[in-house]
Full PDB file with SEQRES, HELIX, SHEET, SSBOND, CRYST1, ORIGX, SCALE, CONECT and MASTER records, all heavy atoms in Angstrom:
SEQRES   1 A   37  ILE GLY GLU LEU ILE TRP GLY THR VAL ILE VAL THR ALA          
SEQRES   2 A   37  PHE ALA LEU THR ASP ALA LEU ASP GLY THR MET ALA ARG          
SEQRES   3 A   37  MET ARG GLY GLY SER SER LYS PHE GLY ALA LEU                  
HELIX    1 AA1 LEU A    4  ALA A   15  1                                  12    
HELIX    2 AA2 THR A   17  MET A   27  1                                  11    
HELIX    3 AA3 LYS A   33  ALA A   36  1                                   4    
CRYST1    1.000    1.000    1.000  90.00  90.00  90.00 P 1           1          
ORIGX1      1.000000  0.000000  0.000000        0.00000                         
ORIGX2      0.000000  1.000000  0.000000        0.00000                         
ORIGX3      0.000000  0.000000  1.000000        0.00000                         
SCALE1      1.000000  0.000000  0.000000        0.00000                         
SCALE2      0.000000  1.000000  0.000000        0.00000                         
SCALE3      0.000000  0.000000  1.000000        0.00000                         
ATOM      1  N   ILE A   1     -15.467 -15.475  -1.896  1.00  0.00           N  
ATOM      2  CA  ILE A   1     -15.878 -16.869  -2.219  1.00  0.00           C  
ATOM      3  C   ILE A   1     -15.622 -17.860  -1.125  1.00  0.00           C  
ATOM      4  O   ILE A   1     -15.693 -19.099  -1.314  1.00  0.00           O  
ATOM      5  CB  ILE A   1     -15.186 -17.272  -3.614  1.00  0.00           C  
ATOM      6  CG1 ILE A   1     -13.687 -17.443  -3.403  1.00  0.00           C  
ATOM      7  CG2 ILE A   1     -15.603 -16.476  -4.681  1.00  0.00           C  
ATOM      8  CD1 ILE A   1     -12.978 -17.908  -4.691  1.00  0.00           C  
ATOM      9  N   GLY A   2     -15.080 -17.412   0.077  1.00  0.00           N  
ATOM     10  CA  GLY A   2     -14.945 -18.276   1.169  1.00  0.00           C  
ATOM     11  C   GLY A   2     -13.532 -18.741   1.435  1.00  0.00           C  
ATOM     12  O   GLY A   2     -13.210 -19.427   2.444  1.00  0.00           O  
ATOM     13  N   GLU A   3     -12.585 -18.329   0.648  1.00  0.00           N  
ATOM     14  CA  GLU A   3     -11.153 -18.640   0.784  1.00  0.00           C  
ATOM     15  C   GLU A   3     -10.509 -17.619   1.779  1.00  0.00           C  
ATOM     16  O   GLU A   3      -9.783 -16.767   1.374  1.00  0.00           O  
ATOM     17  CB  GLU A   3     -10.428 -18.682  -0.575  1.00  0.00           C  
ATOM     18  CG  GLU A   3     -10.954 -19.773  -1.570  1.00  0.00           C  
ATOM     19  CD  GLU A   3     -10.543 -21.144  -1.041  1.00  0.00           C  
ATOM     20  OE1 GLU A   3      -9.623 -21.365  -0.190  1.00  0.00           O  
ATOM     21  OE2 GLU A   3     -11.170 -22.135  -1.462  1.00  0.00           O  
ATOM     22  N   LEU A   4     -10.926 -17.731   2.968  1.00  0.00           N  
ATOM     23  CA  LEU A   4     -10.661 -16.668   3.907  1.00  0.00           C  
ATOM     24  C   LEU A   4      -9.032 -16.573   4.244  1.00  0.00           C  
ATOM     25  O   LEU A   4      -8.553 -15.491   4.430  1.00  0.00           O  
ATOM     26  CB  LEU A   4     -11.358 -16.962   5.260  1.00  0.00           C  
ATOM     27  CG  LEU A   4     -12.915 -16.833   5.189  1.00  0.00           C  
ATOM     28  CD1 LEU A   4     -13.470 -17.051   6.584  1.00  0.00           C  
ATOM     29  CD2 LEU A   4     -13.389 -15.555   4.543  1.00  0.00           C  
ATOM     30  N   ILE A   5      -8.427 -17.723   4.263  1.00  0.00           N  
ATOM     31  CA  ILE A   5      -6.992 -17.662   4.549  1.00  0.00           C  
ATOM     32  C   ILE A   5      -6.257 -16.948   3.450  1.00  0.00           C  
ATOM     33  O   ILE A   5      -5.428 -16.146   3.598  1.00  0.00           O  
ATOM     34  CB  ILE A   5      -6.414 -19.069   4.871  1.00  0.00           C  
ATOM     35  CG1 ILE A   5      -7.055 -19.522   6.223  1.00  0.00           C  
ATOM     36  CG2 ILE A   5      -4.866 -19.054   5.087  1.00  0.00           C  
ATOM     37  CD1 ILE A   5      -6.608 -20.912   6.560  1.00  0.00           C  
ATOM     38  N   TRP A   6      -6.493 -17.436   2.281  1.00  0.00           N  
ATOM     39  CA  TRP A   6      -5.779 -16.919   1.032  1.00  0.00           C  
ATOM     40  C   TRP A   6      -6.190 -15.484   0.993  1.00  0.00           C  
ATOM     41  O   TRP A   6      -5.296 -14.611   0.549  1.00  0.00           O  
ATOM     42  CB  TRP A   6      -6.177 -17.698  -0.173  1.00  0.00           C  
ATOM     43  CG  TRP A   6      -5.337 -18.845  -0.399  1.00  0.00           C  
ATOM     44  CD1 TRP A   6      -5.760 -20.134  -0.380  1.00  0.00           C  
ATOM     45  CD2 TRP A   6      -3.856 -18.993  -0.712  1.00  0.00           C  
ATOM     46  NE1 TRP A   6      -4.666 -21.052  -0.555  1.00  0.00           N  
ATOM     47  CE2 TRP A   6      -3.544 -20.197  -0.769  1.00  0.00           C  
ATOM     48  CE3 TRP A   6      -3.006 -17.957  -1.028  1.00  0.00           C  
ATOM     49  CZ2 TRP A   6      -2.209 -20.603  -1.073  1.00  0.00           C  
ATOM     50  CZ3 TRP A   6      -1.609 -18.356  -1.210  1.00  0.00           C  
ATOM     51  CH2 TRP A   6      -1.264 -19.625  -1.305  1.00  0.00           C  
ATOM     52  N   GLY A   7      -7.493 -15.160   1.101  1.00  0.00           N  
ATOM     53  CA  GLY A   7      -7.920 -13.756   0.956  1.00  0.00           C  
ATOM     54  C   GLY A   7      -7.232 -12.863   1.957  1.00  0.00           C  
ATOM     55  O   GLY A   7      -6.698 -11.805   1.593  1.00  0.00           O  
ATOM     56  N   THR A   8      -7.170 -13.283   3.206  1.00  0.00           N  
ATOM     57  CA  THR A   8      -6.445 -12.523   4.260  1.00  0.00           C  
ATOM     58  C   THR A   8      -5.001 -12.342   3.880  1.00  0.00           C  
ATOM     59  O   THR A   8      -4.398 -11.184   4.069  1.00  0.00           O  
ATOM     60  CB  THR A   8      -6.587 -13.166   5.638  1.00  0.00           C  
ATOM     61  OG1 THR A   8      -8.021 -13.276   5.974  1.00  0.00           O  
ATOM     62  CG2 THR A   8      -5.913 -12.382   6.675  1.00  0.00           C  
ATOM     63  N   VAL A   9      -4.339 -13.407   3.565  1.00  0.00           N  
ATOM     64  CA  VAL A   9      -2.924 -13.232   3.221  1.00  0.00           C  
ATOM     65  C   VAL A   9      -2.621 -12.263   2.044  1.00  0.00           C  
ATOM     66  O   VAL A   9      -1.798 -11.436   2.096  1.00  0.00           O  
ATOM     67  CB  VAL A   9      -2.275 -14.637   2.813  1.00  0.00           C  
ATOM     68  CG1 VAL A   9      -0.852 -14.541   2.297  1.00  0.00           C  
ATOM     69  CG2 VAL A   9      -2.290 -15.502   4.063  1.00  0.00           C  
ATOM     70  N   ILE A  10      -3.388 -12.386   1.002  1.00  0.00           N  
ATOM     71  CA  ILE A  10      -3.241 -11.567  -0.200  1.00  0.00           C  
ATOM     72  C   ILE A  10      -3.560 -10.134   0.121  1.00  0.00           C  
ATOM     73  O   ILE A  10      -2.842  -9.180  -0.260  1.00  0.00           O  
ATOM     74  CB  ILE A  10      -4.209 -12.016  -1.368  1.00  0.00           C  
ATOM     75  CG1 ILE A  10      -3.634 -13.418  -1.792  1.00  0.00           C  
ATOM     76  CG2 ILE A  10      -3.997 -11.020  -2.572  1.00  0.00           C  
ATOM     77  CD1 ILE A  10      -4.534 -14.051  -2.841  1.00  0.00           C  
ATOM     78  N   VAL A  11      -4.603  -9.797   0.822  1.00  0.00           N  
ATOM     79  CA  VAL A  11      -5.106  -8.488   1.175  1.00  0.00           C  
ATOM     80  C   VAL A  11      -4.020  -7.816   2.121  1.00  0.00           C  
ATOM     81  O   VAL A  11      -3.602  -6.711   1.895  1.00  0.00           O  
ATOM     82  CB  VAL A  11      -6.429  -8.489   1.852  1.00  0.00           C  
ATOM     83  CG1 VAL A  11      -6.706  -7.101   2.542  1.00  0.00           C  
ATOM     84  CG2 VAL A  11      -7.489  -8.714   0.874  1.00  0.00           C  
ATOM     85  N   THR A  12      -3.559  -8.601   3.059  1.00  0.00           N  
ATOM     86  CA  THR A  12      -2.483  -8.031   3.973  1.00  0.00           C  
ATOM     87  C   THR A  12      -1.336  -7.669   3.283  1.00  0.00           C  
ATOM     88  O   THR A  12      -0.708  -6.689   3.500  1.00  0.00           O  
ATOM     89  CB  THR A  12      -2.309  -9.106   5.154  1.00  0.00           C  
ATOM     90  OG1 THR A  12      -3.442  -9.287   5.825  1.00  0.00           O  
ATOM     91  CG2 THR A  12      -1.240  -8.460   6.097  1.00  0.00           C  
ATOM     92  N   ALA A  13      -0.785  -8.536   2.367  1.00  0.00           N  
ATOM     93  CA  ALA A  13       0.502  -8.336   1.627  1.00  0.00           C  
ATOM     94  C   ALA A  13       0.331  -7.104   0.848  1.00  0.00           C  
ATOM     95  O   ALA A  13       1.234  -6.211   0.742  1.00  0.00           O  
ATOM     96  CB  ALA A  13       0.660  -9.533   0.780  1.00  0.00           C  
ATOM     97  N   PHE A  14      -0.750  -6.934   0.110  1.00  0.00           N  
ATOM     98  CA  PHE A  14      -0.888  -5.789  -0.773  1.00  0.00           C  
ATOM     99  C   PHE A  14      -1.196  -4.424  -0.003  1.00  0.00           C  
ATOM    100  O   PHE A  14      -0.895  -3.433  -0.438  1.00  0.00           O  
ATOM    101  CB  PHE A  14      -1.860  -6.004  -1.956  1.00  0.00           C  
ATOM    102  CG  PHE A  14      -1.285  -6.853  -3.012  1.00  0.00           C  
ATOM    103  CD1 PHE A  14      -1.500  -8.238  -3.070  1.00  0.00           C  
ATOM    104  CD2 PHE A  14      -0.591  -6.296  -4.015  1.00  0.00           C  
ATOM    105  CE1 PHE A  14      -0.941  -9.064  -4.130  1.00  0.00           C  
ATOM    106  CE2 PHE A  14      -0.002  -6.992  -5.079  1.00  0.00           C  
ATOM    107  CZ  PHE A  14      -0.273  -8.405  -5.140  1.00  0.00           C  
ATOM    108  N   ALA A  15      -1.940  -4.690   1.105  1.00  0.00           N  
ATOM    109  CA  ALA A  15      -2.219  -3.493   1.930  1.00  0.00           C  
ATOM    110  C   ALA A  15      -0.974  -2.865   2.442  1.00  0.00           C  
ATOM    111  O   ALA A  15      -0.956  -1.603   2.717  1.00  0.00           O  
ATOM    112  CB  ALA A  15      -3.170  -3.855   3.070  1.00  0.00           C  
ATOM    113  N   LEU A  16       0.124  -3.678   2.677  1.00  0.00           N  
ATOM    114  CA  LEU A  16       1.348  -3.139   3.179  1.00  0.00           C  
ATOM    115  C   LEU A  16       2.040  -2.108   2.140  1.00  0.00           C  
ATOM    116  O   LEU A  16       2.804  -1.313   2.554  1.00  0.00           O  
ATOM    117  CB  LEU A  16       2.410  -4.211   3.486  1.00  0.00           C  
ATOM    118  CG  LEU A  16       2.090  -5.175   4.555  1.00  0.00           C  
ATOM    119  CD1 LEU A  16       3.007  -6.248   4.806  1.00  0.00           C  
ATOM    120  CD2 LEU A  16       1.817  -4.344   5.858  1.00  0.00           C  
ATOM    121  N   THR A  17       1.546  -2.163   0.819  1.00  0.00           N  
ATOM    122  CA  THR A  17       2.004  -1.116  -0.085  1.00  0.00           C  
ATOM    123  C   THR A  17       1.716   0.298   0.308  1.00  0.00           C  
ATOM    124  O   THR A  17       2.340   1.284  -0.184  1.00  0.00           O  
ATOM    125  CB  THR A  17       1.539  -1.403  -1.563  1.00  0.00           C  
ATOM    126  OG1 THR A  17       0.056  -1.370  -1.465  1.00  0.00           O  
ATOM    127  CG2 THR A  17       1.997  -2.796  -1.921  1.00  0.00           C  
ATOM    128  N   ASP A  18       0.730   0.424   1.258  1.00  0.00           N  
ATOM    129  CA  ASP A  18       0.294   1.775   1.717  1.00  0.00           C  
ATOM    130  C   ASP A  18       1.436   2.395   2.396  1.00  0.00           C  
ATOM    131  O   ASP A  18       1.587   3.630   2.362  1.00  0.00           O  
ATOM    132  CB  ASP A  18      -0.912   1.521   2.742  1.00  0.00           C  
ATOM    133  CG  ASP A  18      -1.518   2.903   2.899  1.00  0.00           C  
ATOM    134  OD1 ASP A  18      -1.776   3.725   2.086  1.00  0.00           O  
ATOM    135  OD2 ASP A  18      -1.762   3.307   4.165  1.00  0.00           O  
ATOM    136  N   ALA A  19       2.302   1.546   3.169  1.00  0.00           N  
ATOM    137  CA  ALA A  19       3.493   2.199   3.748  1.00  0.00           C  
ATOM    138  C   ALA A  19       4.624   2.242   2.707  1.00  0.00           C  
ATOM    139  O   ALA A  19       5.371   3.197   2.840  1.00  0.00           O  
ATOM    140  CB  ALA A  19       3.922   1.192   4.950  1.00  0.00           C  
ATOM    141  N   LEU A  20       4.716   1.385   1.737  1.00  0.00           N  
ATOM    142  CA  LEU A  20       5.718   1.403   0.699  1.00  0.00           C  
ATOM    143  C   LEU A  20       5.668   2.640  -0.105  1.00  0.00           C  
ATOM    144  O   LEU A  20       6.638   3.272  -0.316  1.00  0.00           O  
ATOM    145  CB  LEU A  20       5.629   0.148  -0.151  1.00  0.00           C  
ATOM    146  CG  LEU A  20       6.680   0.019  -1.193  1.00  0.00           C  
ATOM    147  CD1 LEU A  20       7.990   0.029  -0.625  1.00  0.00           C  
ATOM    148  CD2 LEU A  20       6.407  -1.163  -2.025  1.00  0.00           C  
ATOM    149  N   ASP A  21       4.427   2.981  -0.712  1.00  0.00           N  
ATOM    150  CA  ASP A  21       4.410   4.170  -1.565  1.00  0.00           C  
ATOM    151  C   ASP A  21       4.638   5.467  -0.707  1.00  0.00           C  
ATOM    152  O   ASP A  21       5.286   6.410  -1.294  1.00  0.00           O  
ATOM    153  CB  ASP A  21       3.062   4.175  -2.170  1.00  0.00           C  
ATOM    154  CG  ASP A  21       1.816   4.222  -1.326  1.00  0.00           C  
ATOM    155  OD1 ASP A  21       2.066   4.346  -0.119  1.00  0.00           O  
ATOM    156  OD2 ASP A  21       0.668   4.233  -1.900  1.00  0.00           O  
ATOM    157  N   GLY A  22       4.140   5.494   0.576  1.00  0.00           N  
ATOM    158  CA  GLY A  22       4.531   6.620   1.290  1.00  0.00           C  
ATOM    159  C   GLY A  22       6.029   6.850   1.518  1.00  0.00           C  
ATOM    160  O   GLY A  22       6.522   7.995   1.505  1.00  0.00           O  
ATOM    161  N   THR A  23       6.643   5.765   1.769  1.00  0.00           N  
ATOM    162  CA  THR A  23       8.141   5.735   1.958  1.00  0.00           C  
ATOM    163  C   THR A  23       8.775   6.217   0.692  1.00  0.00           C  
ATOM    164  O   THR A  23       9.749   7.042   0.828  1.00  0.00           O  
ATOM    165  CB  THR A  23       8.571   4.430   2.564  1.00  0.00           C  
ATOM    166  OG1 THR A  23       7.930   4.054   3.677  1.00  0.00           O  
ATOM    167  CG2 THR A  23      10.165   4.403   2.781  1.00  0.00           C  
ATOM    168  N   MET A  24       8.393   5.708  -0.376  1.00  0.00           N  
ATOM    169  CA  MET A  24       9.026   6.050  -1.616  1.00  0.00           C  
ATOM    170  C   MET A  24       8.887   7.544  -1.949  1.00  0.00           C  
ATOM    171  O   MET A  24       9.699   8.230  -2.377  1.00  0.00           O  
ATOM    172  CB  MET A  24       8.480   5.198  -2.765  1.00  0.00           C  
ATOM    173  CG  MET A  24       8.796   3.740  -2.761  1.00  0.00           C  
ATOM    174  SD  MET A  24       7.885   2.785  -4.009  1.00  0.00           S  
ATOM    175  CE  MET A  24       8.517   3.439  -5.529  1.00  0.00           C  
ATOM    176  N   ALA A  25       7.669   8.021  -1.622  1.00  0.00           N  
ATOM    177  CA  ALA A  25       7.444   9.515  -1.814  1.00  0.00           C  
ATOM    178  C   ALA A  25       8.319  10.408  -0.954  1.00  0.00           C  
ATOM    179  O   ALA A  25       8.826  11.395  -1.419  1.00  0.00           O  
ATOM    180  CB  ALA A  25       5.912   9.805  -1.569  1.00  0.00           C  
ATOM    181  N   ARG A  26       8.460  10.068   0.286  1.00  0.00           N  
ATOM    182  CA  ARG A  26       9.285  10.791   1.183  1.00  0.00           C  
ATOM    183  C   ARG A  26      10.817  10.762   0.719  1.00  0.00           C  
ATOM    184  O   ARG A  26      11.599  11.724   0.815  1.00  0.00           O  
ATOM    185  CB  ARG A  26       9.201  10.151   2.617  1.00  0.00           C  
ATOM    186  CG  ARG A  26       7.929  10.550   3.330  1.00  0.00           C  
ATOM    187  CD  ARG A  26       7.989  10.205   4.775  1.00  0.00           C  
ATOM    188  NE  ARG A  26       8.202   8.789   5.012  1.00  0.00           N  
ATOM    189  CZ  ARG A  26       7.130   7.914   5.143  1.00  0.00           C  
ATOM    190  NH1 ARG A  26       5.920   8.438   4.939  1.00  0.00           N  
ATOM    191  NH2 ARG A  26       7.318   6.734   5.409  1.00  0.00           N  
ATOM    192  N   MET A  27      11.289   9.555   0.239  1.00  0.00           N  
ATOM    193  CA  MET A  27      12.544   9.450  -0.240  1.00  0.00           C  
ATOM    194  C   MET A  27      12.773  10.328  -1.478  1.00  0.00           C  
ATOM    195  O   MET A  27      13.910  10.770  -1.757  1.00  0.00           O  
ATOM    196  CB  MET A  27      12.919   7.958  -0.635  1.00  0.00           C  
ATOM    197  CG  MET A  27      13.124   7.097   0.602  1.00  0.00           C  
ATOM    198  SD  MET A  27      13.389   5.370   0.136  1.00  0.00           S  
ATOM    199  CE  MET A  27      13.653   4.687   1.798  1.00  0.00           C  
ATOM    200  N   ARG A  28      11.816  10.604  -2.239  1.00  0.00           N  
ATOM    201  CA  ARG A  28      11.885  11.461  -3.411  1.00  0.00           C  
ATOM    202  C   ARG A  28      11.671  12.871  -3.072  1.00  0.00           C  
ATOM    203  O   ARG A  28      11.759  13.708  -4.003  1.00  0.00           O  
ATOM    204  CB  ARG A  28      10.787  10.992  -4.458  1.00  0.00           C  
ATOM    205  CG  ARG A  28      10.971   9.696  -5.126  1.00  0.00           C  
ATOM    206  CD  ARG A  28       9.892   9.350  -6.079  1.00  0.00           C  
ATOM    207  NE  ARG A  28       9.816  10.375  -7.197  1.00  0.00           N  
ATOM    208  CZ  ARG A  28       8.995  10.408  -8.192  1.00  0.00           C  
ATOM    209  NH1 ARG A  28       8.079   9.358  -8.192  1.00  0.00           N  
ATOM    210  NH2 ARG A  28       9.007  11.285  -9.136  1.00  0.00           N  
ATOM    211  N   GLY A  29      11.500  13.205  -1.871  1.00  0.00           N  
ATOM    212  CA  GLY A  29      11.420  14.554  -1.434  1.00  0.00           C  
ATOM    213  C   GLY A  29      10.006  15.004  -1.029  1.00  0.00           C  
ATOM    214  O   GLY A  29       9.728  16.228  -0.919  1.00  0.00           O  
ATOM    215  N   GLY A  30       9.058  14.095  -0.920  1.00  0.00           N  
ATOM    216  CA  GLY A  30       7.718  14.468  -0.519  1.00  0.00           C  
ATOM    217  C   GLY A  30       6.677  14.065  -1.538  1.00  0.00           C  
ATOM    218  O   GLY A  30       7.003  14.023  -2.679  1.00  0.00           O  
ATOM    219  N   SER A  31       5.570  13.831  -1.072  1.00  0.00           N  
ATOM    220  CA  SER A  31       4.362  13.506  -1.900  1.00  0.00           C  
ATOM    221  C   SER A  31       3.784  14.702  -2.749  1.00  0.00           C  
ATOM    222  O   SER A  31       3.696  15.730  -2.111  1.00  0.00           O  
ATOM    223  CB  SER A  31       3.248  12.800  -1.104  1.00  0.00           C  
ATOM    224  OG  SER A  31       2.072  12.443  -1.926  1.00  0.00           O  
ATOM    225  N   SER A  32       3.392  14.404  -3.947  1.00  0.00           N  
ATOM    226  CA  SER A  32       2.729  15.512  -4.720  1.00  0.00           C  
ATOM    227  C   SER A  32       1.309  15.534  -4.225  1.00  0.00           C  
ATOM    228  O   SER A  32       0.777  14.612  -3.623  1.00  0.00           O  
ATOM    229  CB  SER A  32       2.790  15.133  -6.199  1.00  0.00           C  
ATOM    230  OG  SER A  32       2.139  14.021  -6.425  1.00  0.00           O  
ATOM    231  N   LYS A  33       0.580  16.609  -4.568  1.00  0.00           N  
ATOM    232  CA  LYS A  33      -0.808  16.748  -4.269  1.00  0.00           C  
ATOM    233  C   LYS A  33      -1.568  15.675  -4.972  1.00  0.00           C  
ATOM    234  O   LYS A  33      -2.540  15.145  -4.279  1.00  0.00           O  
ATOM    235  CB  LYS A  33      -1.327  18.125  -4.667  1.00  0.00           C  
ATOM    236  CG  LYS A  33      -0.736  19.306  -3.858  1.00  0.00           C  
ATOM    237  CD  LYS A  33      -1.320  20.663  -4.173  1.00  0.00           C  
ATOM    238  CE  LYS A  33      -0.703  21.688  -3.224  1.00  0.00           C  
ATOM    239  NZ  LYS A  33      -1.254  23.040  -3.738  1.00  0.00           N  
ATOM    240  N   PHE A  34      -1.359  15.427  -6.245  1.00  0.00           N  
ATOM    241  CA  PHE A  34      -2.085  14.343  -6.852  1.00  0.00           C  
ATOM    242  C   PHE A  34      -1.790  13.045  -6.282  1.00  0.00           C  
ATOM    243  O   PHE A  34      -2.646  12.228  -6.140  1.00  0.00           O  
ATOM    244  CB  PHE A  34      -1.703  14.298  -8.406  1.00  0.00           C  
ATOM    245  CG  PHE A  34      -2.358  13.209  -9.101  1.00  0.00           C  
ATOM    246  CD1 PHE A  34      -3.630  13.190  -9.316  1.00  0.00           C  
ATOM    247  CD2 PHE A  34      -1.584  12.078  -9.494  1.00  0.00           C  
ATOM    248  CE1 PHE A  34      -4.348  12.066  -9.995  1.00  0.00           C  
ATOM    249  CE2 PHE A  34      -2.182  10.994 -10.067  1.00  0.00           C  
ATOM    250  CZ  PHE A  34      -3.509  10.952 -10.483  1.00  0.00           C  
ATOM    251  N   GLY A  35      -0.489  12.727  -5.931  1.00  0.00           N  
ATOM    252  CA  GLY A  35      -0.112  11.553  -5.167  1.00  0.00           C  
ATOM    253  C   GLY A  35      -0.905  11.327  -3.952  1.00  0.00           C  
ATOM    254  O   GLY A  35      -1.438  10.203  -3.661  1.00  0.00           O  
ATOM    255  N   ALA A  36      -1.040  12.339  -3.190  1.00  0.00           N  
ATOM    256  CA  ALA A  36      -1.913  12.280  -1.910  1.00  0.00           C  
ATOM    257  C   ALA A  36      -3.339  12.010  -2.278  1.00  0.00           C  
ATOM    258  O   ALA A  36      -3.963  11.229  -1.500  1.00  0.00           O  
ATOM    259  CB  ALA A  36      -1.766  13.565  -1.137  1.00  0.00           C  
ATOM    260  N   LEU A  37      -3.845  12.715  -3.335  1.00  0.00           N  
ATOM    261  CA  LEU A  37      -5.297  12.369  -3.662  1.00  0.00           C  
ATOM    262  C   LEU A  37      -5.464  10.965  -4.157  1.00  0.00           C  
ATOM    263  O   LEU A  37      -6.434  10.312  -3.784  1.00  0.00           O  
ATOM    264  CB  LEU A  37      -5.639  13.423  -4.741  1.00  0.00           C  
ATOM    265  CG  LEU A  37      -7.084  13.221  -5.335  1.00  0.00           C  
ATOM    266  CD1 LEU A  37      -8.160  13.368  -4.251  1.00  0.00           C  
ATOM    267  CD2 LEU A  37      -7.300  14.130  -6.507  1.00  0.00           C  
TER     268      LEU A  37                                                      
MASTER        0    0    0    3    0    0    0    6  267    1    0    3          
END                                                                             
């Protein structure tokens, strides 16, 4: 809808969870096959 700054900030913040969930999986001993899928 044209709110580029807010859109970029929100997308970037939540995109960082891609690193967070992987880190959590490694701390638990590795990702499951379903988790990877």
